[in-house]
C-alpha atoms as a PDB file:
ATOM      1  CA  MET A   1       0.000   0.000   0.000  1.00  0.00           C
ATOM      2  CA  ASN A   2       1.392   3.394  -0.954  1.00  0.00           C
ATOM      3  CA  GLU A   3       1.590   6.497   1.228  1.00  0.00           C
ATOM      4  CA  TRP A   4      -1.478   8.156  -0.328  1.00  0.00           C
ATOM      5  CA  GLU A   5      -3.638   5.091   0.204  1.00  0.00           C
ATOM      6  CA  MET A   6      -2.565   4.912   3.854  1.00  0.00           C
ATOM      7  CA  LEU A   7      -3.382   8.605   4.310  1.00  0.00           C
ATOM      8  CA  ARG A   8      -6.787   8.158   2.648  1.00  0.00           C
ATOM      9  CA  ARG A   9      -7.638   5.235   4.931  1.00  0.00           C
ATOM     10  CA  THR A  10      -6.494   7.161   7.997  1.00  0.00           C
ATOM     11  CA  ALA A  11      -8.689  10.135   7.009  1.00  0.00           C
ATOM     12  CA  GLU A  12     -11.686   7.803   6.561  1.00  0.00           C
ATOM     13  CA  ARG A  13     -11.202   6.261  10.016  1.00  0.00           C
ATOM     14  CA  LEU A  14     -10.822   9.693  11.602  1.00  0.00           C
ATOM     15  CA  ARG A  15     -14.033  10.916   9.914  1.00  0.00           C
ATOM     16  CA  GLU A  16     -15.880   7.944  11.386  1.00  0.00           C
ATOM     17  CA  HIS A  17     -14.429   8.431  14.882  1.00  0.00           C
ATOM     18  CA  TYR A  18     -14.519  12.256  14.935  1.00  0.00           C
ATOM     19  CA  PRO A  19     -17.569  13.340  12.903  1.00  0.00           C
ATOM     20  CA  SER A  20     -18.480  17.032  12.708  1.00  0.00           C
ATOM     21  CA  GLY A  21     -19.891  18.183  16.029  1.00  0.00           C
ATOM     22  CA  THR A  22     -17.694  15.890  18.158  1.00  0.00           C
ATOM     23  CA  ARG A  23     -16.269  17.634  21.204  1.00  0.00           C
ATOM     24  CA  VAL A  24     -12.536  17.230  21.906  1.00  0.00           C
ATOM     25  CA  ARG A  25     -10.101  18.404  24.591  1.00  0.00           C
ATOM     26  CA  LEU A  26      -6.486  19.200  23.803  1.00  0.00           C
ATOM     27  CA  ILE A  27      -3.851  17.521  25.963  1.00  0.00           C
ATOM     28  CA  GLN A  28      -0.803  18.893  24.136  1.00  0.00           C
ATOM     29  CA  MET A  29      -0.139  20.354  20.716  1.00  0.00           C
ATOM     30  CA  GLY A  30       3.026  19.288  18.894  1.00  0.00           C
ATOM     31  CA  SER A  31       5.459  21.678  17.296  1.00  0.00           C
ATOM     32  CA  ASP A  32       3.173  24.591  16.376  1.00  0.00           C
ATOM     33  CA  PRO A  33       4.870  27.913  17.257  1.00  0.00           C
ATOM     34  CA  ARG A  34       1.581  29.307  18.641  1.00  0.00           C
ATOM     35  CA  PRO A  35      -0.211  26.221  19.994  1.00  0.00           C
ATOM     36  CA  VAL A  36      -3.659  26.025  21.505  1.00  0.00           C
ATOM     37  CA  PRO A  37      -3.256  25.868  25.317  1.00  0.00           C
ATOM     38  CA  PRO A  38      -3.581  22.399  26.908  1.00  0.00           C
ATOM     39  CA  GLY A  39      -7.046  21.749  28.334  1.00  0.00           C
ATOM     40  CA  THR A  40      -8.797  23.854  25.692  1.00  0.00           C
ATOM     41  CA  GLU A  41     -11.983  22.277  24.381  1.00  0.00           C
ATOM     42  CA  GLY A  42     -13.460  22.589  20.933  1.00  0.00           C
ATOM     43  CA  THR A  43     -15.829  21.192  18.323  1.00  0.00           C
ATOM     44  CA  VAL A  44     -14.713  19.179  15.296  1.00  0.00           C
ATOM     45  CA  VAL A  45     -15.629  20.909  12.043  1.00  0.00           C
ATOM     46  CA  GLY A  46     -14.340  18.142   9.774  1.00  0.00           C
ATOM     47  CA  VAL A  47     -11.421  15.976   8.687  1.00  0.00           C
ATOM     48  CA  ASP A  48      -9.611  16.776   5.438  1.00  0.00           C
ATOM     49  CA  ASP A  49      -7.951  14.381   2.990  1.00  0.00           C
ATOM     50  CA  ALA A  50      -4.575  14.907   4.691  1.00  0.00           C
ATOM     51  CA  ALA A  51      -6.120  13.515   7.937  1.00  0.00           C
ATOM     52  CA  THR A  52      -6.028  16.883   9.718  1.00  0.00           C
ATOM     53  CA  ILE A  53      -8.885  17.198  12.207  1.00  0.00           C
ATOM     54  CA  HIS A  54     -10.200  20.747  11.914  1.00  0.00           C
ATOM     55  CA  VAL A  55     -11.506  22.145  15.202  1.00  0.00           C
ATOM     56  CA  ARG A  56     -13.320  25.322  16.199  1.00  0.00           C
ATOM     57  CA  TRP A  57     -11.714  25.851  19.603  1.00  0.00           C
ATOM     58  CA  ASP A  58     -13.714  27.511  22.386  1.00  0.00           C
ATOM     59  CA  ASN A  59     -10.960  30.162  22.686  1.00  0.00           C
ATOM     60  CA  GLY A  60     -11.534  31.245  19.057  1.00  0.00           C
ATOM     61  CA  SER A  61      -8.550  29.464  17.506  1.00  0.00           C
ATOM     62  CA  GLY A  62      -8.969  27.431  14.350  1.00  0.00           C
ATOM     63  CA  LEU A  63      -5.780  25.335  14.440  1.00  0.00           C
ATOM     64  CA  GLY A  64      -6.231  21.764  13.257  1.00  0.00           C
ATOM     65  CA  LEU A  65      -5.120  18.642  15.075  1.00  0.00           C
ATOM     66  CA  ILE A  66      -2.435  16.520  13.450  1.00  0.00           C
ATOM     67  CA  TRP A  67      -3.064  12.817  14.005  1.00  0.00           C
ATOM     68  CA  GLY A  68       0.012  11.216  15.578  1.00  0.00           C
ATOM     69  CA  GLU A  69       1.598  14.532  16.559  1.00  0.00           C
ATOM     70  CA  ASP A  70      -0.958  16.272  18.782  1.00  0.00           C
ATOM     71  CA  SER A  71      -2.433  14.702  21.915  1.00  0.00           C
ATOM     72  CA  PHE A  72      -6.155  15.096  22.476  1.00  0.00           C
ATOM     73  CA  GLU A  73      -9.183  13.216  23.713  1.00  0.00           C
ATOM     74  CA  LYS A  74     -12.775  12.883  22.692  1.00  0.00           C
ATOM     75  CA  ILE A  75     -15.158  14.325  25.272  1.00  0.00           C
ATOM     76  CA  PRO A  76     -17.939  11.825  25.990  1.00  0.00           C
ATOM     77  CA  GLU A  77     -21.397  13.032  25.053  1.00  0.00           C
ATOM     78  CA  GLN A  78     -23.699  13.759  27.957  1.00  0.00           C
ATOM     79  CA  THR A  79     -26.957  11.906  28.003  1.00  0.00           C
ATOM     80  CA  GLU A  80     -30.186  13.851  28.308  1.00  0.00           C
ATOM     81  CA  THR A  81     -30.514  12.667  31.935  1.00  0.00           C
ATOM     82  CA  GLU A  82     -27.027  13.976  32.796  1.00  0.00           C
ATOM     83  CA  GLU A  83     -27.831  17.320  31.180  1.00  0.00           C
ATOM     84  CA  ASN A  84     -31.074  17.619  33.197  1.00  0.00           C
ATOM     85  CA  ILE A  85     -29.249  16.872  36.449  1.00  0.00           C
ATOM     86  CA  MET A  86     -26.576  19.482  35.686  1.00  0.00           C
ATOM     87  CA  THR A  87     -29.182  22.208  35.026  1.00  0.00           C
ATOM     88  CA  MET A  88     -31.127  21.569  38.245  1.00  0.00           C
END
């Protein structure tokens, strides 16, 4: 399998695991000179063909996540019951 095929398959898997609207939390950003601060949360906008996960960060940044370089986690979705408890 060539490099482009591997990248395409990686992008497909990431799209399945991180669809638009998925919430993520940054643990650490790799070598970007102006990284998003650790702990910042954001919403996935999409995954491009180069397997970059594009995020609209809550602090206004638009830097994408690089699979294999940046550390981040998916924030579990709250169930409707959990949301009701939190608003009481």
